[in-house]
Amino acid sequence: MLTRRWHEHIKELVRQIRKTSNYSEKKRLRRIVDWMRSVQMAVIVSEEAGEEEKSKKQKLGIKSHRDRMNRVDEHGHDVEYNFKDAEHPLQRVFVCAMWLTGFDAPTVSTMYLDKPMKDHTLMPTIARANRVTSFRINDVEKQNGELVDYYNVFRNMKEALKNYARGEEGVDTVPVQEKDVLFQLLDDSIAQGMQFCAEREIDLEKVLKSKDVFKNVDLFGKYADKLLTKDEWRKAFAVYENTITSLFEACKPEIIGNPIVRSVAVFQYLRGVVDAIIEQKDIDAVTVRISELLDESVVVDGSTDLQQSKSEFVIKQSGKTWDLRKLDFEKLAAEFKEVNYKNIEIADLRAFIQDKLDQMMQQNATRADFAQRLQEIIDTYNSGSSSADNYFEELVQFAKDLKEESERHVREGLTEDELEIFDLLRKDKMTKGETQKVKLAAKSLLQRLLKEPPPVLIQDWFKDSQSKERVKSTVQEVLNVHLPESYDRALFTKKCDTVFELMLNYASQGLKWAA
């Protein structure tokens, strides 16, 4: 019966597509229909003796369903494996007992309850839908499940929770909420987010009243600049947006077509503008998600103005493309004096520096002092002890020093990997002769480990005690030959251990040449 209703619903959606003249609505409905047509279904029933005879007497056919449950596909996967695969077309199952307990599929989003349950049966059953997962649909992670109760099962919820779910002492809050409660929580979260923004001269209420909400790119640039004034403001706004988006997802599908969707879209749009600056990466997925939200907003009243603003909606990749080798620091400083939104320029430069520093630290673990210095610059500004102009100047100077560091291996006549070993082996106040010997030690060690027989860095060497000891002995042998005589036994041992620990760390993570 439910399958028949499923197909009837598809037919009704097709009729709506033919009737509506709204392009965005047609597009949304077609997307739903395409998904519904692609969905596979299965019946999951616990097996019992003589089930075929019993089903025939009841004029039912269990055999085809049992064959489906027992069948293995061409990839060697059974029905349970396929249902747990979020990408597989098997998206809908009708379950009787078999998967209600002891079954874990984090991507299950909705459960329909049509039989009486309580106590030890109820809790494991509803737990099938309460898993969270990092799997993303339309760039949104699953944060909640939905339970549709046809049998008033939740009258038994509080009693079951007392027996099987121990929460905070003195708290009698049921973790399952009626949809009406979630709608109110969404309203409250949006109101709180609006107030937070208004206190920082970001008037999102005013924006929502505009016909050209998403055309005024400069206005959102101004708002992004405000949020980027302090890290704590940007992070707090991200919390508001995350909460609003999570509640919005939990309120689906009833929330679709509600005017509040536009408010959700505004928060996500502003978040997208900020992320485009500080993350300096492609955010097409965010653009698609917000575009779909605006599709849903159009359903509310078919507003032409809203439809036009949606059709021109786009989040521009506002972060600059940087190349540290070609960076003109004087030009950078001069341009900063002329810009309208200084916090955006600062965030843009800082994001580039952070990304470049992360890359350089992956090349050379000894650059941790650069990370500490950058954090000190950021903390000084966030504490209010530095102006925006001074902050930018310090970041520019840091970028200069970073550029010099990125080119140091060339000046030293070493590869990046050799420079890392050299930095680990060097000591304070070395003579020119000692420096050359340490460089030779770094080169010789990598040459021995990577190219000379017999091989020591065999596969998974870090998992075997004998292999680890062989690698460590090789490190000691090479360094004993090449390190300066001024390295006493204690210093020699310390340097050997430091290099070996780095190799062990890289190998265990499958990184670089040590893996």
Protein backbone atom coordinates (compact mmCIF):
# COMPACT_ATOMS: atom_id res chain seq x y z
CA MET A 1 0.00 0.00 0.00
CA LEU A 2 2.81 2.42 0.90
CA THR A 3 4.56 1.64 -2.39
CA ARG A 4 1.36 2.42 -4.29
CA ARG A 5 1.07 5.72 -2.42
CA TRP A 6 4.68 6.47 -3.32
CA HIS A 7 3.92 6.12 -7.03
CA GLU A 8 0.68 8.09 -6.67
CA HIS A 9 2.66 10.88 -5.07
CA ILE A 10 5.07 10.87 -8.03
CA LYS A 11 2.10 11.20 -10.41
CA GLU A 12 0.73 14.11 -8.38
CA LEU A 13 4.09 15.89 -8.51
CA VAL A 14 4.23 15.40 -12.29
CA ARG A 15 0.77 16.98 -12.57
CA GLN A 16 2.01 19.95 -10.52
CA ILE A 17 5.02 20.33 -12.84
CA ARG A 18 2.71 20.52 -15.84
CA LYS A 19 0.40 23.04 -14.18
CA THR A 20 2.92 25.53 -12.78
CA SER A 21 4.51 28.24 -14.90
CA ASN A 22 7.11 29.07 -12.26
CA TYR A 23 10.50 27.90 -13.57
CA SER A 24 12.10 27.56 -10.14
CA GLU A 25 9.15 25.54 -8.86
CA LYS A 26 9.31 23.25 -11.91
CA LYS A 27 13.01 22.74 -11.32
CA ARG A 28 12.49 21.90 -7.64
CA LEU A 29 9.66 19.47 -8.33
CA ARG A 30 11.59 17.74 -11.12
CA ARG A 31 14.50 17.22 -8.75
CA ILE A 32 12.17 15.55 -6.23
CA VAL A 33 10.54 13.37 -8.90
CA ASP A 34 13.92 12.27 -10.29
CA TRP A 35 15.02 11.25 -6.82
CA MET A 36 11.77 9.40 -6.05
CA ARG A 37 11.95 7.48 -9.33
CA SER A 38 15.53 6.40 -8.60
CA VAL A 39 14.73 5.09 -5.12
CA GLN A 40 14.75 1.32 -4.57
CA MET A 41 12.70 -0.31 -1.79
CA ALA A 42 12.86 -3.59 0.11
CA VAL A 43 10.91 -5.50 2.75
CA ILE A 44 12.93 -6.74 5.75
CA VAL A 45 11.20 -9.41 7.83
CA SER A 46 12.60 -11.84 10.37
CA GLU A 47 12.69 -15.37 8.96
CA GLU A 48 10.62 -18.14 10.53
CA ALA A 49 9.91 -21.79 9.80
CA GLY A 50 7.11 -22.45 7.33
CA GLU A 51 6.76 -18.79 6.41
CA GLU A 52 5.95 -19.50 2.76
CA GLU A 53 2.96 -21.68 3.62
CA LYS A 54 1.72 -19.15 6.17
CA SER A 55 2.01 -16.27 3.72
CA LYS A 56 0.12 -18.22 1.02
CA LYS A 57 -2.75 -18.85 3.40
CA GLN A 58 -2.94 -15.12 4.06
CA LYS A 59 -2.76 -14.48 0.30
CA LEU A 60 0.64 -12.83 0.70
CA GLY A 61 3.89 -13.56 -1.13
CA ILE A 62 6.97 -13.71 1.08
CA LYS A 63 9.23 -15.63 -1.31
CA SER A 64 10.20 -12.73 -3.59
CA HIS A 65 11.01 -10.60 -0.55
CA ARG A 66 13.02 -13.37 1.11
CA ASP A 67 14.96 -13.89 -2.13
CA ARG A 68 15.73 -10.17 -2.16
CA MET A 69 16.89 -10.26 1.47
CA ASN A 70 19.20 -13.21 0.80
CA ARG A 71 20.49 -12.08 -2.59
CA VAL A 72 24.07 -10.85 -3.06
CA ASP A 73 24.73 -8.41 -5.92
CA GLU A 74 27.56 -8.47 -8.46
CA HIS A 75 29.82 -6.60 -6.02
CA GLY A 76 29.31 -9.23 -3.32
CA HIS A 77 27.10 -6.91 -1.25
CA ASP A 78 23.86 -7.96 0.44
CA VAL A 79 20.76 -5.86 1.11
CA GLU A 80 22.03 -4.70 4.51
CA TYR A 81 25.32 -3.49 3.07
CA ASN A 82 23.55 -1.61 0.27
CA PHE A 83 21.09 0.07 2.61
CA LYS A 84 23.94 1.35 4.78
CA ASP A 85 25.63 2.81 1.69
CA ALA A 86 24.33 6.39 1.48
CA GLU A 87 25.04 6.49 -2.27
CA HIS A 88 23.13 3.30 -3.12
CA PRO A 89 19.61 3.61 -4.65
CA LEU A 90 18.16 1.40 -1.87
CA GLN A 91 16.78 4.22 0.28
CA ARG A 92 13.52 2.90 1.72
CA VAL A 93 12.85 -0.30 3.68
CA PHE A 94 9.79 -1.76 5.39
CA VAL A 95 10.99 -3.47 8.56
CA CYS A 96 9.36 -5.96 10.89
CA ALA A 97 11.55 -6.79 13.91
CA MET A 98 14.66 -7.82 11.97
CA TRP A 99 16.52 -4.47 11.90
CA LEU A 100 14.82 -2.75 14.82
CA THR A 101 17.61 -3.61 17.28
CA GLY A 102 21.32 -4.23 16.88
CA PHE A 103 21.40 -2.44 13.52
CA ASP A 104 23.38 0.72 12.90
CA ALA A 105 23.04 2.84 9.75
CA PRO A 106 23.97 6.46 10.57
CA THR A 107 22.45 7.84 7.36
CA VAL A 108 18.90 6.72 8.23
CA SER A 109 16.97 9.99 8.39
CA THR A 110 13.31 9.07 8.90
CA MET A 111 11.52 6.24 10.69
CA TYR A 112 7.78 5.59 10.49
CA LEU A 113 6.28 3.80 13.51
CA ASP A 114 3.02 1.88 12.96
CA LYS A 115 3.04 -0.75 15.72
CA PRO A 116 2.85 -0.56 19.52
CA MET A 117 6.23 -0.48 21.25
CA LYS A 118 7.51 0.36 24.71
CA ASP A 119 10.41 -0.08 27.12
CA HIS A 120 13.26 -2.27 25.83
CA THR A 121 11.73 -2.43 22.32
CA LEU A 122 11.02 1.28 21.92
CA MET A 123 14.42 2.70 22.82
CA PRO A 124 16.59 0.55 20.50
CA THR A 125 14.06 1.09 17.71
CA ILE A 126 14.09 4.88 17.75
CA ALA A 127 17.87 4.75 18.11
CA ARG A 128 18.01 3.58 14.48
CA ALA A 129 17.37 7.18 13.37
CA ASN A 130 19.22 9.21 15.99
CA ARG A 131 22.76 8.77 14.65
CA VAL A 132 24.71 11.77 13.36
CA THR A 133 27.09 11.44 10.45
CA SER A 134 29.66 13.47 8.52
CA PHE A 135 28.08 12.31 5.26
CA ARG A 136 26.87 15.46 3.52
CA ILE A 137 23.77 15.98 1.40
CA ASN A 138 23.67 19.38 -0.31
CA ASP A 139 26.67 20.31 1.87
CA VAL A 140 24.69 19.71 5.09
CA GLU A 141 25.66 17.08 7.65
CA LYS A 142 22.98 14.92 9.27
CA GLN A 143 22.46 16.22 12.82
CA ASN A 144 19.13 14.63 13.68
CA GLY A 145 16.62 11.97 12.68
CA GLU A 146 12.86 12.23 12.22
CA LEU A 147 10.25 9.90 13.73
CA VAL A 148 6.71 9.78 12.32
CA ASP A 149 4.42 8.20 14.90
CA TYR A 150 1.17 6.64 13.62
CA TYR A 151 0.43 4.78 16.85
CA ASN A 152 1.05 7.36 19.60
CA VAL A 153 4.14 5.44 20.65
CA PHE A 154 5.63 8.47 22.39
CA ARG A 155 3.17 8.29 25.23
CA ASN A 156 5.61 5.63 26.47
CA MET A 157 8.71 7.72 25.81
CA LYS A 158 9.26 9.29 29.23
CA GLU A 159 8.92 5.98 31.01
CA ALA A 160 11.34 4.32 28.60
CA LEU A 161 13.85 7.13 29.03
CA LYS A 162 13.79 6.78 32.79
CA ASN A 163 14.70 3.13 32.48
CA TYR A 164 17.09 3.14 29.53
CA ALA A 165 18.54 6.66 29.06
CA ARG A 166 20.25 8.32 31.98
CA GLY A 167 20.56 12.06 31.41
CA GLU A 168 21.69 14.90 33.64
CA GLU A 169 20.59 14.58 37.23
CA GLY A 170 17.43 16.57 37.94
CA VAL A 171 16.72 17.14 34.26
CA ASP A 172 13.54 15.65 32.81
CA THR A 173 13.97 16.84 29.22
CA VAL A 174 12.88 14.45 26.51
CA PRO A 175 15.48 14.35 23.68
CA VAL A 176 12.68 13.89 21.14
CA GLN A 177 10.82 17.07 20.25
CA GLU A 178 7.54 17.71 18.46
CA LYS A 179 8.01 19.54 15.16
CA ASP A 180 6.13 22.57 16.54
CA VAL A 181 8.81 22.91 19.22
CA LEU A 182 11.54 22.79 16.58
CA PHE A 183 9.78 25.51 14.56
CA GLN A 184 9.75 27.71 17.66
CA LEU A 185 13.42 26.98 18.33
CA LEU A 186 14.22 28.00 14.74
CA ASP A 187 12.30 31.25 15.16
CA ASP A 188 14.13 31.96 18.42
CA SER A 189 17.55 31.17 16.93
CA ILE A 190 16.95 33.48 13.98
CA ALA A 191 15.78 36.24 16.35
CA GLN A 192 18.90 35.80 18.50
CA GLY A 193 21.11 35.79 15.41
CA MET A 194 19.44 38.97 14.16
CA GLN A 195 20.00 40.64 17.55
CA PHE A 196 23.66 39.57 17.61
CA CYS A 197 24.15 41.12 14.17
CA ALA A 198 22.19 44.28 14.99
CA GLU A 199 24.44 44.91 18.01
CA ARG A 200 27.33 45.02 15.52
CA GLU A 201 25.52 47.33 13.08
CA ILE A 202 24.57 44.49 10.74
CA ASP A 203 20.89 45.06 9.97
CA LEU A 204 19.68 41.78 8.46
CA GLU A 205 16.04 42.71 9.17
CA LYS A 206 16.42 45.65 6.84
CA VAL A 207 18.10 43.46 4.24
CA LEU A 208 15.17 41.04 4.25
CA LYS A 209 12.76 43.86 3.44
CA SER A 210 14.70 44.73 0.30
CA LYS A 211 13.54 43.42 -3.07
CA ASP A 212 17.15 42.94 -4.12
CA VAL A 213 18.33 40.99 -1.08
CA PHE A 214 21.04 39.01 -2.82
CA LYS A 215 22.01 41.55 -5.46
CA ASN A 216 23.58 44.02 -3.04
CA VAL A 217 27.00 42.40 -2.93
CA ASP A 218 28.64 45.55 -1.55
CA LEU A 219 26.29 45.56 1.45
CA PHE A 220 27.18 41.98 2.35
CA GLY A 221 30.84 42.91 1.89
CA LYS A 222 30.33 45.64 4.45
CA TYR A 223 28.68 43.19 6.85
CA ALA A 224 31.44 40.63 6.32
CA ASP A 225 34.00 43.34 7.11
CA LYS A 226 32.19 43.98 10.40
CA LEU A 227 32.24 40.31 11.39
CA LEU A 228 35.93 40.08 10.54
CA THR A 229 36.77 42.88 12.99
CA LYS A 230 37.34 40.27 15.68
CA ASP A 231 37.82 36.52 15.52
CA GLU A 232 35.29 36.06 18.33
CA TRP A 233 32.61 37.89 16.30
CA ARG A 234 33.20 35.73 13.24
CA LYS A 235 33.19 32.53 15.31
CA ALA A 236 30.06 33.56 17.22
CA PHE A 237 28.23 34.30 13.96
CA ALA A 238 29.28 30.87 12.66
CA VAL A 239 27.68 29.29 15.75
CA TYR A 240 24.41 31.17 15.10
CA GLU A 241 24.43 30.14 11.44
CA ASN A 242 25.23 26.50 12.27
CA THR A 243 22.37 26.40 14.78
CA ILE A 244 19.90 27.99 12.36
CA THR A 245 20.88 25.64 9.54
CA SER A 246 20.70 22.54 11.77
CA LEU A 247 17.24 23.49 13.04
CA PHE A 248 16.08 24.30 9.52
CA GLU A 249 17.17 20.84 8.34
CA ALA A 250 15.38 19.26 11.33
CA CYS A 251 12.17 21.11 10.40
CA LYS A 252 12.03 19.69 6.89
CA PRO A 253 9.93 18.93 4.95
CA GLU A 254 7.15 20.95 6.63
CA ILE A 255 9.25 24.11 6.65
CA ILE A 256 9.68 24.13 2.87
CA GLY A 257 7.68 26.98 1.34
CA ASN A 258 7.63 28.94 4.59
CA PRO A 259 8.80 32.59 4.28
CA ILE A 260 11.32 31.96 7.08
CA VAL A 261 13.43 30.14 4.48
CA ARG A 262 14.58 33.56 3.24
CA SER A 263 15.95 34.40 6.69
CA VAL A 264 17.86 31.12 6.76
CA ALA A 265 19.24 31.91 3.30
CA VAL A 266 20.43 35.36 4.41
CA PHE A 267 22.43 33.88 7.31
CA GLN A 268 23.92 31.24 5.02
CA TYR A 269 24.68 33.83 2.35
CA LEU A 270 26.57 36.08 4.78
CA ARG A 271 28.42 33.03 6.13
CA GLY A 272 29.32 32.12 2.54
CA VAL A 273 30.70 35.61 1.88
CA VAL A 274 32.87 35.40 5.00
CA ASP A 275 34.06 31.86 4.20
CA ALA A 276 34.93 32.91 0.64
CA ILE A 277 37.38 35.39 2.17
CA ILE A 278 38.95 33.44 5.01
CA GLU A 279 38.98 29.93 3.53
CA GLN A 280 40.12 30.93 0.02
CA LYS A 281 38.57 27.90 -1.60
CA ASP A 282 35.83 27.06 -4.04
CA ILE A 283 32.41 27.22 -2.41
CA ASP A 284 30.20 26.07 -5.26
CA ALA A 285 28.48 23.61 -2.91
CA VAL A 286 27.40 26.47 -0.63
CA THR A 287 26.13 28.43 -3.61
CA VAL A 288 24.07 25.47 -4.80
CA ARG A 289 22.61 24.90 -1.34
CA ILE A 290 21.51 28.52 -0.90
CA SER A 291 20.17 28.61 -4.43
CA GLU A 292 17.97 25.65 -3.56
CA LEU A 293 16.80 27.44 -0.43
CA LEU A 294 15.76 30.37 -2.57
CA ASP A 295 13.97 27.97 -4.91
CA GLU A 296 11.95 26.92 -1.88
CA SER A 297 11.27 30.54 -0.95
CA VAL A 298 9.76 31.19 -4.37
CA VAL A 299 7.08 28.60 -3.58
CA VAL A 300 5.71 30.88 -0.86
CA ASP A 301 4.04 33.44 -3.07
CA GLY A 302 5.64 33.15 -6.49
CA SER A 303 7.15 36.61 -5.99
CA THR A 304 8.64 37.87 -9.24
CA ASP A 305 11.11 40.08 -7.40
CA LEU A 306 12.33 37.17 -5.31
CA GLN A 307 12.56 34.92 -8.34
CA GLN A 308 14.64 37.52 -10.18
CA SER A 309 16.95 38.02 -7.20
CA LYS A 310 17.37 34.25 -6.95
CA SER A 311 18.21 33.89 -10.62
CA GLU A 312 21.05 36.39 -10.24
CA PHE A 313 22.25 34.99 -6.91
CA VAL A 314 25.91 34.05 -6.65
CA ILE A 315 28.61 34.07 -4.01
CA LYS A 316 31.74 35.39 -5.59
CA GLN A 317 35.12 33.96 -4.73
CA SER A 318 36.44 37.17 -3.23
CA GLY A 319 39.73 35.86 -1.90
CA LYS A 320 42.70 36.95 -3.99
CA THR A 321 45.06 34.62 -5.79
CA TRP A 322 48.46 35.00 -4.16
CA ASP A 323 51.96 33.90 -5.05
CA LEU A 324 54.45 34.46 -2.25
CA ARG A 325 57.38 34.45 -4.69
CA LYS A 326 55.94 37.34 -6.71
CA LEU A 327 54.35 39.34 -3.89
CA ASP A 328 55.04 43.09 -4.08
CA PHE A 329 55.01 44.10 -0.42
CA GLU A 330 55.26 47.84 -1.05
CA LYS A 331 52.31 47.73 -3.46
CA LEU A 332 50.37 45.64 -0.95
CA ALA A 333 50.90 48.26 1.77
CA ALA A 334 49.95 51.11 -0.56
CA GLU A 335 46.72 49.41 -1.71
CA PHE A 336 45.69 48.76 1.88
CA LYS A 337 45.54 52.51 2.57
CA GLU A 338 42.93 52.95 -0.18
CA VAL A 339 40.53 50.06 0.52
CA ASN A 340 37.09 50.57 2.08
CA TYR A 341 36.92 47.30 3.99
CA LYS A 342 40.22 46.90 5.79
CA ASN A 343 39.15 43.90 7.85
CA ILE A 344 38.44 41.97 4.66
CA GLU A 345 41.91 42.80 3.32
CA ILE A 346 43.44 41.73 6.63
CA ALA A 347 41.47 38.48 6.69
CA ASP A 348 42.42 37.81 3.07
CA LEU A 349 46.15 38.26 3.75
CA ARG A 350 45.97 36.34 7.00
CA ALA A 351 44.18 33.40 5.32
CA PHE A 352 46.85 33.30 2.62
CA ILE A 353 49.64 33.42 5.22
CA GLN A 354 48.04 30.68 7.30
CA ASP A 355 47.57 28.43 4.28
CA LYS A 356 51.14 28.99 3.11
CA LEU A 357 52.51 28.43 6.61
CA ASP A 358 50.57 25.16 6.91
CA GLN A 359 52.13 23.97 3.65
CA MET A 360 55.61 24.99 4.77
CA MET A 361 55.20 23.27 8.15
CA GLN A 362 54.24 20.08 6.36
CA GLN A 363 57.52 20.38 4.48
CA ASN A 364 59.56 21.15 7.57
CA ALA A 365 58.40 20.40 11.12
CA THR A 366 60.98 22.78 12.63
CA ARG A 367 58.98 25.82 11.50
CA ALA A 368 56.72 25.69 14.56
CA ASP A 369 58.22 28.97 15.80
CA PHE A 370 56.64 30.71 12.80
CA ALA A 371 53.22 29.42 13.85
CA GLN A 372 53.78 30.65 17.40
CA ARG A 373 54.84 34.08 16.14
CA LEU A 374 51.76 34.37 13.88
CA GLN A 375 49.45 33.47 16.76
CA GLU A 376 51.07 36.15 18.93
CA ILE A 377 50.38 38.76 16.21
CA ILE A 378 46.73 37.63 15.99
CA ASP A 379 46.27 37.56 19.77
CA THR A 380 47.70 41.06 20.14
CA TYR A 381 45.20 42.42 17.63
CA ASN A 382 42.23 40.52 19.07
CA SER A 383 43.03 41.86 22.54
CA GLY A 384 42.71 45.43 21.22
CA SER A 385 46.40 46.22 21.70
CA SER A 386 47.00 46.84 17.98
CA SER A 387 45.21 48.94 15.35
CA ALA A 388 44.09 47.55 12.00
CA ASP A 389 46.91 49.43 10.25
CA ASN A 390 49.56 48.05 12.62
CA TYR A 391 48.06 44.56 12.34
CA PHE A 392 48.32 44.66 8.56
CA GLU A 393 51.91 45.94 8.72
CA GLU A 394 52.89 43.08 11.03
CA LEU A 395 51.24 40.55 8.72
CA VAL A 396 53.10 42.02 5.73
CA GLN A 397 56.41 41.77 7.62
CA PHE A 398 55.55 38.20 8.58
CA ALA A 399 54.86 37.42 4.91
CA LYS A 400 58.27 38.84 4.00
CA ASP A 401 59.97 36.60 6.56
CA LEU A 402 57.92 33.65 5.36
CA LYS A 403 59.09 34.29 1.81
CA GLU A 404 62.71 34.29 2.96
CA GLU A 405 62.14 31.03 4.83
CA SER A 406 60.49 29.42 1.78
CA GLU A 407 63.63 30.21 -0.26
CA ARG A 408 66.18 29.24 2.43
CA HIS A 409 66.71 25.70 1.13
CA VAL A 410 67.93 27.21 -2.18
CA ARG A 411 70.39 29.49 -0.40
CA GLU A 412 71.63 26.56 1.69
CA GLY A 413 72.03 24.35 -1.37
CA LEU A 414 69.63 21.72 -0.02
CA THR A 415 66.31 20.16 -0.96
CA GLU A 416 63.33 20.80 1.32
CA ASP A 417 63.71 17.34 2.89
CA GLU A 418 67.45 17.82 3.39
CA LEU A 419 66.80 21.23 4.96
CA GLU A 420 64.41 19.67 7.48
CA ILE A 421 67.02 17.10 8.54
CA PHE A 422 69.67 19.85 8.62
CA ASP A 423 67.47 21.98 10.91
CA LEU A 424 66.99 19.04 13.26
CA LEU A 425 70.73 18.30 13.39
CA ARG A 426 72.13 21.80 13.67
CA LYS A 427 73.21 23.34 16.98
CA ASP A 428 73.68 26.92 18.16
CA LYS A 429 76.76 28.85 17.08
CA MET A 430 78.22 26.55 14.46
CA THR A 431 81.36 27.43 12.52
CA LYS A 432 81.30 27.46 8.74
CA GLY A 433 83.09 24.10 8.67
CA GLU A 434 80.61 22.57 11.12
CA THR A 435 77.71 23.86 9.06
CA GLN A 436 79.06 22.14 5.95
CA LYS A 437 79.50 18.87 7.84
CA VAL A 438 75.94 19.00 9.17
CA LYS A 439 74.62 19.65 5.64
CA LEU A 440 76.62 16.66 4.39
CA ALA A 441 75.21 14.56 7.23
CA ALA A 442 71.63 15.48 6.21
CA LYS A 443 72.29 14.67 2.55
CA SER A 444 74.11 11.41 3.34
CA LEU A 445 71.36 10.22 5.68
CA LEU A 446 68.60 10.67 3.08
CA GLN A 447 70.83 9.12 0.41
CA ARG A 448 71.40 6.03 2.57
CA LEU A 449 67.77 5.66 3.64
CA LEU A 450 66.19 6.15 0.23
CA LYS A 451 68.66 4.98 -2.42
CA GLU A 452 71.54 2.86 -1.11
CA PRO A 453 71.28 -0.91 -0.50
CA PRO A 454 70.40 -2.77 1.57
CA PRO A 455 66.95 -1.15 1.98
CA VAL A 456 65.94 -0.20 5.52
CA LEU A 457 62.65 1.67 4.98
CA ILE A 458 60.65 -1.41 4.09
CA GLN A 459 56.85 -1.32 4.03
CA ASP A 460 55.32 -0.74 7.50
CA TRP A 461 58.76 -0.70 9.10
CA PHE A 462 57.40 1.34 12.00
CA LYS A 463 55.09 -1.53 13.09
CA ASP A 464 57.86 -4.05 13.74
CA SER A 465 60.34 -3.67 16.61
CA GLN A 466 63.22 -5.27 14.69
CA SER A 467 62.63 -3.06 11.63
CA LYS A 468 62.49 0.03 13.82
CA GLU A 469 65.74 -0.91 15.52
CA ARG A 470 67.40 -1.44 12.11
CA VAL A 471 66.29 2.02 10.94
CA LYS A 472 67.45 3.65 14.16
CA SER A 473 70.85 1.93 13.94
CA THR A 474 71.24 3.13 10.33
CA VAL A 475 70.53 6.71 11.41
CA GLN A 476 73.16 6.45 14.15
CA GLU A 477 75.75 4.90 11.82
CA VAL A 478 75.43 7.62 9.15
CA LEU A 479 75.39 10.50 11.61
CA ASN A 480 78.33 9.07 13.55
CA VAL A 481 80.41 9.31 10.36
CA HIS A 482 79.38 12.80 9.26
CA LEU A 483 78.45 14.96 12.27
CA PRO A 484 81.22 17.27 13.60
CA GLU A 485 83.45 16.05 16.42
CA SER A 486 82.19 18.95 18.56
CA TYR A 487 78.94 16.97 19.04
CA ASP A 488 79.53 15.18 22.37
CA ARG A 489 77.85 11.86 23.16
CA ALA A 490 74.79 13.43 24.83
CA LEU A 491 74.16 15.86 21.97
CA PHE A 492 74.79 13.15 19.37
CA THR A 493 72.26 10.83 21.03
CA LYS A 494 69.70 13.64 21.30
CA LYS A 495 70.01 14.51 17.59
CA CYS A 496 69.75 10.85 16.51
CA ASP A 497 66.62 10.39 18.63
CA THR A 498 65.06 13.59 17.29
CA VAL A 499 65.53 12.53 13.66
CA PHE A 500 64.28 9.01 14.35
CA GLU A 501 61.16 10.30 16.17
CA LEU A 502 60.35 12.52 13.19
CA MET A 503 60.72 9.56 10.83
CA LEU A 504 58.52 7.43 13.07
CA ASN A 505 55.85 10.13 13.16
CA TYR A 506 55.86 10.57 9.37
CA ALA A 507 55.83 6.83 8.70
CA SER A 508 52.91 6.14 11.07
CA GLN A 509 50.86 8.80 9.25
CA GLY A 510 51.93 7.66 5.78
CA LEU A 511 53.70 10.97 5.11
CA LYS A 512 56.64 11.97 2.97
CA TRP A 513 59.71 9.89 2.32
CA ALA A 514 59.65 8.02 5.65
CA ALA A 515 56.45 6.08 4.85
